[in-house]
């Protein structure tokens, strides 16, 4: 009986410990389609494709934390794609910047072609090593400025003149 109880308690403790990661850091609130529904500060590493966000530093120089928000709110950037590069892919491209730029180029071209605003989007990317080892894969996010954000942002609805002018 004692060994069985110890085994059950051990399994439950491990399950609780593993589930605690998502309980203590559940990430931003999202709807069933995965879109952010409430603004939240997250690690830039935790961005997902389609997230609208702003860097938390005034000059954009510190990129480890971002504020994600619903895309209907004013924001600076949108995550348009993600992936992983192996050390072989980076070496083949000649540098990490070349490899990420090549990986993001077709994604950015598709995004740019769909932009309706007259302002042109600007491509950028974020890169995060998968581990501290020199030969680790590189996780990347393709990001862009979001010139269409005003087209999707909630604009106040102005009442028509007939609604505000009393009839004689």
N, C-alpha and C. Protein backbone atom coordinates (compact mmCIF):
# COMPACT_ATOMS: atom_id res chain seq x y z
N UNK A 1 0.82 -1.19 0.00
CA UNK A 1 0.00 0.00 0.00
C UNK A 1 0.87 1.25 0.00
N UNK A 2 1.93 1.27 0.78
CA UNK A 2 2.80 2.44 0.88
C UNK A 2 3.49 2.76 -0.44
N UNK A 3 3.94 1.72 -1.16
CA UNK A 3 4.60 1.94 -2.45
C UNK A 3 3.61 2.46 -3.48
N UNK A 4 2.40 1.92 -3.45
CA UNK A 4 1.38 2.36 -4.40
C UNK A 4 1.02 3.83 -4.15
N UNK A 5 0.84 4.20 -2.91
CA UNK A 5 0.53 5.57 -2.55
C UNK A 5 1.67 6.51 -2.95
N UNK A 6 2.89 6.07 -2.68
CA UNK A 6 4.06 6.86 -3.07
C UNK A 6 4.09 7.05 -4.58
N UNK A 7 3.81 5.99 -5.34
CA UNK A 7 3.80 6.07 -6.81
C UNK A 7 2.74 7.03 -7.32
N UNK A 8 1.54 6.95 -6.75
CA UNK A 8 0.45 7.84 -7.16
C UNK A 8 0.80 9.29 -6.84
N UNK A 9 1.32 9.53 -5.65
CA UNK A 9 1.70 10.89 -5.25
C UNK A 9 2.81 11.41 -6.15
N UNK A 10 3.77 10.55 -6.50
CA UNK A 10 4.87 10.96 -7.37
C UNK A 10 4.35 11.36 -8.75
N UNK A 11 3.50 10.54 -9.32
CA UNK A 11 2.95 10.83 -10.66
C UNK A 11 2.13 12.11 -10.63
N UNK A 12 1.32 12.28 -9.59
CA UNK A 12 0.51 13.50 -9.49
C UNK A 12 1.40 14.74 -9.31
N UNK A 13 2.47 14.60 -8.55
CA UNK A 13 3.39 15.72 -8.34
C UNK A 13 4.06 16.13 -9.65
N UNK A 14 4.50 15.16 -10.40
CA UNK A 14 5.14 15.45 -11.70
C UNK A 14 4.15 16.10 -12.64
N UNK A 15 2.92 15.58 -12.70
CA UNK A 15 1.90 16.17 -13.58
C UNK A 15 1.59 17.60 -13.17
N UNK A 16 1.49 17.84 -11.87
CA UNK A 16 1.24 19.19 -11.37
C UNK A 16 2.39 20.12 -11.71
N UNK A 17 3.60 19.64 -11.55
CA UNK A 17 4.78 20.44 -11.87
C UNK A 17 4.80 20.81 -13.34
N UNK A 18 4.54 19.85 -14.21
CA UNK A 18 4.55 20.12 -15.65
C UNK A 18 3.41 21.04 -16.07
N UNK A 19 2.25 20.88 -15.48
CA UNK A 19 1.13 21.75 -15.84
C UNK A 19 1.31 23.14 -15.26
N UNK A 20 2.14 23.27 -14.23
CA UNK A 20 2.39 24.58 -13.63
C UNK A 20 3.01 25.56 -14.58
N UNK A 21 3.78 25.07 -15.55
CA UNK A 21 4.39 25.97 -16.53
C UNK A 21 3.32 26.76 -17.26
N UNK A 22 2.25 26.09 -17.67
CA UNK A 22 1.20 26.80 -18.39
C UNK A 22 0.30 27.58 -17.44
N UNK A 23 0.24 27.18 -16.17
CA UNK A 23 -0.57 27.93 -15.22
C UNK A 23 0.08 29.25 -14.84
N UNK A 24 1.41 29.23 -14.67
CA UNK A 24 2.10 30.44 -14.26
C UNK A 24 2.44 31.35 -15.42
N UNK A 25 2.52 30.84 -16.62
CA UNK A 25 2.81 31.64 -17.80
C UNK A 25 1.94 31.15 -18.96
N UNK A 26 0.64 31.44 -18.90
CA UNK A 26 -0.25 30.92 -19.92
C UNK A 26 -0.17 31.65 -21.25
N UNK A 27 0.55 32.76 -21.30
CA UNK A 27 0.62 33.54 -22.52
C UNK A 27 -0.58 34.47 -22.61
N UNK A 28 -0.68 35.21 -23.70
CA UNK A 28 -1.78 36.15 -23.83
C UNK A 28 -3.11 35.43 -24.06
N UNK A 29 -4.19 36.10 -23.70
CA UNK A 29 -5.53 35.55 -23.97
C UNK A 29 -5.74 35.50 -25.48
N UNK A 30 -6.25 34.37 -25.97
CA UNK A 30 -6.48 34.19 -27.40
C UNK A 30 -7.87 33.62 -27.64
N UNK A 31 -8.43 33.94 -28.81
CA UNK A 31 -9.72 33.36 -29.17
C UNK A 31 -9.49 31.98 -29.78
N UNK A 32 -10.56 31.34 -30.23
CA UNK A 32 -10.44 29.98 -30.75
C UNK A 32 -9.61 29.91 -32.03
N UNK A 33 -9.46 31.03 -32.73
CA UNK A 33 -8.63 31.07 -33.94
C UNK A 33 -7.17 31.39 -33.62
N UNK A 34 -6.86 31.63 -32.35
CA UNK A 34 -5.49 31.91 -31.94
C UNK A 34 -5.12 33.39 -31.96
N UNK A 35 -6.09 34.26 -32.23
CA UNK A 35 -5.82 35.70 -32.25
C UNK A 35 -5.82 36.25 -30.82
N UNK A 36 -4.90 37.16 -30.56
CA UNK A 36 -4.79 37.79 -29.24
C UNK A 36 -6.06 38.62 -28.99
N UNK A 37 -6.63 38.47 -27.80
CA UNK A 37 -7.85 39.20 -27.46
C UNK A 37 -7.64 40.28 -26.40
N UNK A 38 -6.50 40.22 -25.70
CA UNK A 38 -6.18 41.23 -24.68
C UNK A 38 -4.69 41.53 -24.76
N UNK A 39 -4.33 42.80 -24.58
CA UNK A 39 -2.92 43.18 -24.60
C UNK A 39 -2.17 42.51 -23.46
N UNK A 40 -0.94 42.09 -23.73
CA UNK A 40 -0.11 41.45 -22.71
C UNK A 40 1.35 41.60 -23.09
N UNK A 41 2.21 41.64 -22.11
CA UNK A 41 3.66 41.66 -22.33
C UNK A 41 4.14 40.21 -22.34
N UNK A 42 4.85 39.84 -23.39
CA UNK A 42 5.36 38.47 -23.52
C UNK A 42 6.81 38.53 -24.00
N UNK A 43 7.47 37.41 -23.93
CA UNK A 43 8.81 37.30 -24.52
C UNK A 43 8.64 37.35 -26.04
N UNK A 44 9.51 38.07 -26.71
CA UNK A 44 9.45 38.14 -28.17
C UNK A 44 9.58 36.75 -28.77
N UNK A 45 10.21 35.86 -28.08
CA UNK A 45 10.37 34.48 -28.51
C UNK A 45 9.03 33.75 -28.60
N UNK A 46 8.02 34.22 -27.86
CA UNK A 46 6.72 33.57 -27.81
C UNK A 46 5.71 34.11 -28.83
N UNK A 47 6.17 35.02 -29.70
CA UNK A 47 5.26 35.50 -30.75
C UNK A 47 4.82 34.34 -31.63
N UNK A 48 3.60 34.42 -32.11
CA UNK A 48 3.14 33.44 -33.09
C UNK A 48 2.71 34.19 -34.35
N UNK A 49 2.63 33.47 -35.43
CA UNK A 49 2.26 34.10 -36.69
C UNK A 49 0.90 34.78 -36.56
N UNK A 50 0.82 36.01 -37.04
CA UNK A 50 -0.41 36.78 -36.97
C UNK A 50 -0.51 37.69 -35.76
N UNK A 51 0.44 37.60 -34.82
CA UNK A 51 0.42 38.46 -33.64
C UNK A 51 0.78 39.89 -34.02
N UNK A 52 -0.01 40.83 -33.55
CA UNK A 52 0.29 42.25 -33.71
C UNK A 52 0.94 42.71 -32.42
N UNK A 53 1.99 43.54 -32.54
CA UNK A 53 2.75 43.88 -31.34
C UNK A 53 3.53 45.17 -31.51
N UNK A 54 4.07 45.61 -30.38
CA UNK A 54 4.95 46.77 -30.31
C UNK A 54 6.11 46.39 -29.40
N UNK A 55 7.32 46.81 -29.78
CA UNK A 55 8.48 46.58 -28.90
C UNK A 55 8.31 47.42 -27.65
N UNK A 56 8.83 46.93 -26.53
CA UNK A 56 8.67 47.63 -25.27
C UNK A 56 9.73 48.69 -25.01
N UNK A 57 10.73 48.83 -25.87
CA UNK A 57 11.71 49.89 -25.68
C UNK A 57 11.43 51.00 -26.68
N UNK A 58 11.69 52.21 -26.27
CA UNK A 58 11.37 53.37 -27.10
C UNK A 58 12.10 53.34 -28.45
N UNK A 59 13.34 52.85 -28.46
CA UNK A 59 14.11 52.86 -29.71
C UNK A 59 14.10 51.50 -30.42
N UNK A 60 13.39 50.52 -29.87
CA UNK A 60 13.37 49.20 -30.48
C UNK A 60 14.65 48.43 -30.28
N UNK A 61 15.56 48.96 -29.47
CA UNK A 61 16.86 48.33 -29.29
C UNK A 61 16.83 47.08 -28.42
N UNK A 62 15.85 47.00 -27.54
CA UNK A 62 15.72 45.82 -26.68
C UNK A 62 14.51 45.05 -27.18
N UNK A 63 14.77 43.85 -27.67
CA UNK A 63 13.69 43.11 -28.32
C UNK A 63 13.29 41.83 -27.57
N UNK A 64 13.71 41.70 -26.32
CA UNK A 64 13.35 40.46 -25.63
C UNK A 64 11.91 40.46 -25.14
N UNK A 65 11.30 41.61 -24.93
CA UNK A 65 9.91 41.71 -24.49
C UNK A 65 9.12 42.56 -25.48
N UNK A 66 7.90 42.12 -25.77
CA UNK A 66 7.01 42.87 -26.64
C UNK A 66 5.63 42.92 -26.00
N UNK A 67 4.83 43.87 -26.43
CA UNK A 67 3.44 43.91 -26.02
C UNK A 67 2.60 43.47 -27.21
N UNK A 68 1.94 42.31 -27.05
CA UNK A 68 1.03 41.84 -28.09
C UNK A 68 -0.34 42.42 -27.79
N UNK A 69 -1.12 42.58 -28.83
CA UNK A 69 -2.45 43.17 -28.65
C UNK A 69 -3.35 42.71 -29.78
N UNK A 70 -4.65 42.88 -29.61
CA UNK A 70 -5.54 42.58 -30.73
C UNK A 70 -5.14 43.45 -31.92
N UNK A 71 -5.21 42.91 -33.11
CA UNK A 71 -4.78 43.66 -34.29
C UNK A 71 -5.69 44.84 -34.59
N UNK A 72 -6.82 44.93 -33.91
CA UNK A 72 -7.70 46.08 -34.08
C UNK A 72 -7.22 47.29 -33.30
N UNK A 73 -6.23 47.09 -32.42
CA UNK A 73 -5.64 48.20 -31.68
C UNK A 73 -4.39 48.70 -32.41
N UNK A 74 -4.02 49.95 -32.14
CA UNK A 74 -2.83 50.51 -32.77
C UNK A 74 -1.59 49.72 -32.35
N UNK A 75 -0.80 49.35 -33.35
CA UNK A 75 0.42 48.56 -33.11
C UNK A 75 1.44 48.92 -34.17
N UNK A 76 2.68 48.49 -33.98
CA UNK A 76 3.75 48.81 -34.92
C UNK A 76 4.07 47.67 -35.88
N UNK A 77 3.99 46.44 -35.39
CA UNK A 77 4.45 45.29 -36.17
C UNK A 77 3.44 44.16 -36.17
N UNK A 78 3.63 43.27 -37.13
CA UNK A 78 2.86 42.04 -37.19
C UNK A 78 3.82 40.90 -37.52
N UNK A 79 3.64 39.77 -36.86
CA UNK A 79 4.44 38.58 -37.14
C UNK A 79 3.81 37.88 -38.35
N UNK A 80 4.57 37.76 -39.43
CA UNK A 80 4.01 37.22 -40.67
C UNK A 80 4.49 35.80 -41.00
N UNK A 81 5.43 35.28 -40.23
CA UNK A 81 5.92 33.93 -40.48
C UNK A 81 6.97 33.53 -39.47
N UNK A 82 7.20 32.23 -39.37
CA UNK A 82 8.18 31.71 -38.44
C UNK A 82 8.81 30.45 -38.99
N UNK A 83 9.95 30.09 -38.45
CA UNK A 83 10.60 28.87 -38.88
C UNK A 83 11.85 28.59 -38.08
N UNK A 84 12.57 27.58 -38.53
CA UNK A 84 13.82 27.16 -37.90
C UNK A 84 14.87 26.95 -38.97
N UNK A 85 16.06 27.44 -38.72
CA UNK A 85 17.19 27.24 -39.63
C UNK A 85 18.22 26.34 -38.96
N UNK A 86 18.70 25.36 -39.69
CA UNK A 86 19.77 24.50 -39.17
C UNK A 86 21.11 25.18 -39.38
N UNK A 87 22.12 24.69 -38.72
CA UNK A 87 23.46 25.25 -38.90
C UNK A 87 23.92 25.05 -40.35
N UNK A 88 23.50 23.97 -40.99
CA UNK A 88 23.87 23.73 -42.39
C UNK A 88 23.23 24.78 -43.30
N UNK A 89 21.97 25.14 -43.04
CA UNK A 89 21.30 26.16 -43.86
C UNK A 89 21.96 27.52 -43.68
N UNK A 90 22.35 27.83 -42.45
CA UNK A 90 23.03 29.10 -42.18
C UNK A 90 24.38 29.12 -42.89
N UNK A 91 25.13 28.04 -42.79
CA UNK A 91 26.45 27.96 -43.43
C UNK A 91 26.31 28.07 -44.95
N UNK A 92 25.32 27.42 -45.52
CA UNK A 92 25.09 27.45 -46.96
C UNK A 92 24.76 28.86 -47.46
N UNK A 93 24.06 29.62 -46.64
CA UNK A 93 23.68 30.99 -47.01
C UNK A 93 24.82 31.98 -46.81
N UNK A 94 25.85 31.58 -46.08
CA UNK A 94 26.99 32.46 -45.85
C UNK A 94 26.94 33.21 -44.54
N UNK A 95 25.74 33.44 -44.02
CA UNK A 95 25.60 34.10 -42.72
C UNK A 95 24.17 33.88 -42.23
N UNK A 96 23.99 34.11 -40.94
CA UNK A 96 22.66 33.98 -40.36
C UNK A 96 21.71 35.01 -40.98
N UNK A 97 22.18 36.24 -41.15
CA UNK A 97 21.32 37.28 -41.73
C UNK A 97 20.87 36.90 -43.14
N UNK A 98 21.79 36.39 -43.95
CA UNK A 98 21.42 35.98 -45.31
C UNK A 98 20.41 34.84 -45.28
N UNK A 99 20.60 33.87 -44.38
CA UNK A 99 19.70 32.73 -44.31
C UNK A 99 18.29 33.15 -43.88
N UNK A 100 18.20 34.00 -42.86
CA UNK A 100 16.88 34.45 -42.39
C UNK A 100 16.23 35.35 -43.43
N UNK A 101 16.99 36.22 -44.04
CA UNK A 101 16.45 37.10 -45.07
C UNK A 101 15.87 36.28 -46.23
N UNK A 102 16.59 35.25 -46.65
CA UNK A 102 16.11 34.38 -47.74
C UNK A 102 14.86 33.62 -47.32
N UNK A 103 14.83 33.16 -46.07
CA UNK A 103 13.66 32.42 -45.58
C UNK A 103 12.43 33.32 -45.47
N UNK A 104 12.63 34.58 -45.10
CA UNK A 104 11.50 35.50 -44.91
C UNK A 104 11.06 36.17 -46.21
N UNK A 105 11.92 36.20 -47.23
CA UNK A 105 11.61 36.94 -48.46
C UNK A 105 10.28 36.54 -49.11
N UNK A 106 10.02 35.26 -49.35
CA UNK A 106 8.75 34.92 -50.00
C UNK A 106 7.54 35.23 -49.12
N UNK A 107 7.69 35.08 -47.81
CA UNK A 107 6.60 35.40 -46.88
C UNK A 107 6.32 36.89 -46.93
N UNK A 108 7.38 37.69 -46.91
CA UNK A 108 7.22 39.14 -46.96
C UNK A 108 6.64 39.59 -48.30
N UNK A 109 7.08 38.99 -49.39
CA UNK A 109 6.55 39.37 -50.71
C UNK A 109 5.04 39.13 -50.78
N UNK A 110 4.58 38.02 -50.23
CA UNK A 110 3.14 37.72 -50.20
C UNK A 110 2.41 38.74 -49.34
N UNK A 111 2.98 39.06 -48.17
CA UNK A 111 2.37 40.04 -47.27
C UNK A 111 2.31 41.41 -47.95
N UNK A 112 3.43 41.82 -48.56
CA UNK A 112 3.52 43.12 -49.20
C UNK A 112 2.50 43.24 -50.33
N UNK A 113 2.30 42.18 -51.10
CA UNK A 113 1.35 42.21 -52.22
C UNK A 113 -0.09 42.39 -51.73
N UNK A 114 -0.38 41.97 -50.51
CA UNK A 114 -1.74 42.07 -49.98
C UNK A 114 -2.01 43.40 -49.28
N UNK A 115 -0.97 44.21 -49.05
CA UNK A 115 -1.15 45.49 -48.36
C UNK A 115 -1.96 46.44 -49.23
N UNK A 116 -2.97 47.05 -48.61
CA UNK A 116 -3.85 47.97 -49.34
C UNK A 116 -3.44 49.44 -49.15
N UNK A 117 -2.73 49.73 -48.07
CA UNK A 117 -2.34 51.10 -47.76
C UNK A 117 -1.29 51.60 -48.76
N UNK A 118 -1.17 52.91 -48.87
CA UNK A 118 -0.16 53.48 -49.77
C UNK A 118 1.24 53.37 -49.18
N UNK A 119 1.34 53.38 -47.85
CA UNK A 119 2.64 53.18 -47.20
C UNK A 119 3.08 51.74 -47.43
N UNK A 120 4.35 51.57 -47.66
CA UNK A 120 4.89 50.23 -47.90
C UNK A 120 5.39 49.62 -46.59
N UNK A 121 5.16 48.33 -46.40
CA UNK A 121 5.65 47.69 -45.19
C UNK A 121 7.17 47.54 -45.22
N UNK A 122 7.75 47.44 -44.05
CA UNK A 122 9.20 47.25 -43.94
C UNK A 122 9.47 45.91 -43.27
N UNK A 123 10.23 45.07 -43.95
CA UNK A 123 10.56 43.74 -43.45
C UNK A 123 11.63 43.80 -42.37
N UNK A 124 11.44 43.02 -41.33
CA UNK A 124 12.44 42.82 -40.30
C UNK A 124 12.33 41.38 -39.85
N UNK A 125 13.22 40.95 -39.00
CA UNK A 125 13.12 39.61 -38.44
C UNK A 125 13.78 39.54 -37.09
N UNK A 126 13.35 38.56 -36.32
CA UNK A 126 13.91 38.29 -35.00
C UNK A 126 14.49 36.89 -35.05
N UNK A 127 15.64 36.68 -34.41
CA UNK A 127 16.28 35.37 -34.40
C UNK A 127 16.62 35.00 -32.96
N UNK A 128 16.32 33.75 -32.62
CA UNK A 128 16.58 33.24 -31.28
C UNK A 128 17.24 31.87 -31.39
N UNK A 129 18.43 31.71 -30.81
CA UNK A 129 19.03 30.36 -30.84
C UNK A 129 18.18 29.40 -30.02
N UNK A 130 18.09 28.16 -30.48
CA UNK A 130 17.30 27.16 -29.77
C UNK A 130 17.94 26.80 -28.43
N UNK A 131 19.26 26.93 -28.36
CA UNK A 131 19.97 26.68 -27.10
C UNK A 131 21.26 27.51 -27.10
N UNK A 132 22.02 27.39 -26.04
CA UNK A 132 23.28 28.13 -25.94
C UNK A 132 24.43 27.46 -26.69
N UNK A 133 24.19 26.28 -27.23
CA UNK A 133 25.24 25.56 -27.95
C UNK A 133 25.52 26.23 -29.28
N UNK A 134 26.78 26.25 -29.66
CA UNK A 134 27.21 26.93 -30.89
C UNK A 134 26.56 26.34 -32.14
N UNK A 135 26.25 25.06 -32.14
CA UNK A 135 25.69 24.42 -33.33
C UNK A 135 24.17 24.24 -33.25
N UNK A 136 23.50 25.04 -32.42
CA UNK A 136 22.05 24.87 -32.27
C UNK A 136 21.30 25.50 -33.44
N UNK A 137 20.11 25.00 -33.68
CA UNK A 137 19.26 25.57 -34.71
C UNK A 137 18.85 26.98 -34.30
N UNK A 138 18.47 27.77 -35.29
CA UNK A 138 18.06 29.15 -35.04
C UNK A 138 16.56 29.29 -35.33
N UNK A 139 15.81 29.67 -34.31
CA UNK A 139 14.39 29.96 -34.50
C UNK A 139 14.29 31.40 -34.99
N UNK A 140 13.38 31.66 -35.92
CA UNK A 140 13.23 33.03 -36.40
C UNK A 140 11.77 33.38 -36.58
N UNK A 141 11.49 34.67 -36.48
CA UNK A 141 10.18 35.23 -36.78
C UNK A 141 10.36 36.29 -37.85
N UNK A 142 9.59 36.19 -38.92
CA UNK A 142 9.55 37.23 -39.94
C UNK A 142 8.51 38.24 -39.46
N UNK A 143 8.90 39.49 -39.35
CA UNK A 143 7.97 40.52 -38.90
C UNK A 143 7.97 41.66 -39.90
N UNK A 144 6.94 42.46 -39.85
CA UNK A 144 6.83 43.60 -40.75
C UNK A 144 6.09 44.73 -40.05
N UNK A 145 6.39 45.94 -40.49
CA UNK A 145 5.53 47.04 -40.08
C UNK A 145 4.16 46.74 -40.68
N UNK A 146 3.12 47.31 -40.13
CA UNK A 146 1.76 46.97 -40.56
C UNK A 146 1.02 48.19 -41.05
N UNK A 147 1.24 48.58 -42.31
CA UNK A 147 0.59 49.79 -42.81
C UNK A 147 -0.92 49.68 -42.92
N UNK A 148 -1.47 48.48 -42.98
CA UNK A 148 -2.92 48.31 -43.08
C UNK A 148 -3.62 48.32 -41.74
N UNK A 149 -2.87 48.53 -40.67
CA UNK A 149 -3.52 48.44 -39.36
C UNK A 149 -4.68 49.41 -39.23
N UNK A 150 -4.63 50.55 -39.88
CA UNK A 150 -5.74 51.49 -39.78
C UNK A 150 -6.97 50.96 -40.51
N UNK A 151 -6.76 50.11 -41.49
CA UNK A 151 -7.90 49.52 -42.19
C UNK A 151 -8.59 48.48 -41.34
N UNK A 152 -7.86 47.85 -40.41
CA UNK A 152 -8.46 46.83 -39.56
C UNK A 152 -8.76 47.33 -38.16
N UNK A 153 -8.22 48.50 -37.81
CA UNK A 153 -8.45 49.02 -36.46
C UNK A 153 -9.89 49.50 -36.33
N UNK A 154 -10.37 49.43 -35.11
CA UNK A 154 -11.73 49.90 -34.85
C UNK A 154 -11.74 51.41 -34.89
N UNK A 155 -12.41 51.96 -35.85
CA UNK A 155 -12.53 53.41 -35.96
C UNK A 155 -13.88 53.81 -35.37
N UNK A 156 -13.92 54.95 -34.69
CA UNK A 156 -15.21 55.38 -34.15
C UNK A 156 -16.19 55.62 -35.30
N UNK A 157 -17.39 55.20 -35.10
CA UNK A 157 -18.41 55.37 -36.13
C UNK A 157 -19.05 56.73 -35.94
N UNK A 158 -18.96 57.55 -36.97
CA UNK A 158 -19.56 58.88 -36.93
C UNK A 158 -21.03 58.76 -37.31
N UNK A 159 -21.91 59.36 -36.55
CA UNK A 159 -23.32 59.30 -36.93
C UNK A 159 -23.55 60.11 -38.19
N UNK A 160 -24.50 59.66 -38.99
CA UNK A 160 -24.80 60.41 -40.21
C UNK A 160 -25.54 61.69 -39.83
N UNK A 161 -25.51 62.74 -40.70
CA UNK A 161 -26.16 64.01 -40.37
C UNK A 161 -27.64 63.83 -40.06
N UNK A 162 -28.30 62.88 -40.71
CA UNK A 162 -29.73 62.69 -40.45
C UNK A 162 -29.99 62.16 -39.05
N UNK A 163 -28.98 61.51 -38.45
CA UNK A 163 -29.15 61.00 -37.10
C UNK A 163 -28.91 62.09 -36.07
N UNK A 164 -28.17 63.13 -36.41
CA UNK A 164 -27.85 64.16 -35.42
C UNK A 164 -28.65 65.45 -35.62
N UNK A 165 -29.22 65.62 -36.79
CA UNK A 165 -30.00 66.83 -37.05
C UNK A 165 -31.48 66.53 -36.83
N UNK A 166 -32.10 67.24 -35.89
CA UNK A 166 -33.52 66.97 -35.65
C UNK A 166 -34.36 67.38 -36.87
N UNK A 167 -35.36 66.59 -37.14
CA UNK A 167 -36.25 66.90 -38.27
C UNK A 167 -37.22 68.00 -37.86
N UNK A 168 -37.57 68.93 -38.80
CA UNK A 168 -38.50 70.03 -38.43
C UNK A 168 -39.91 69.55 -38.26
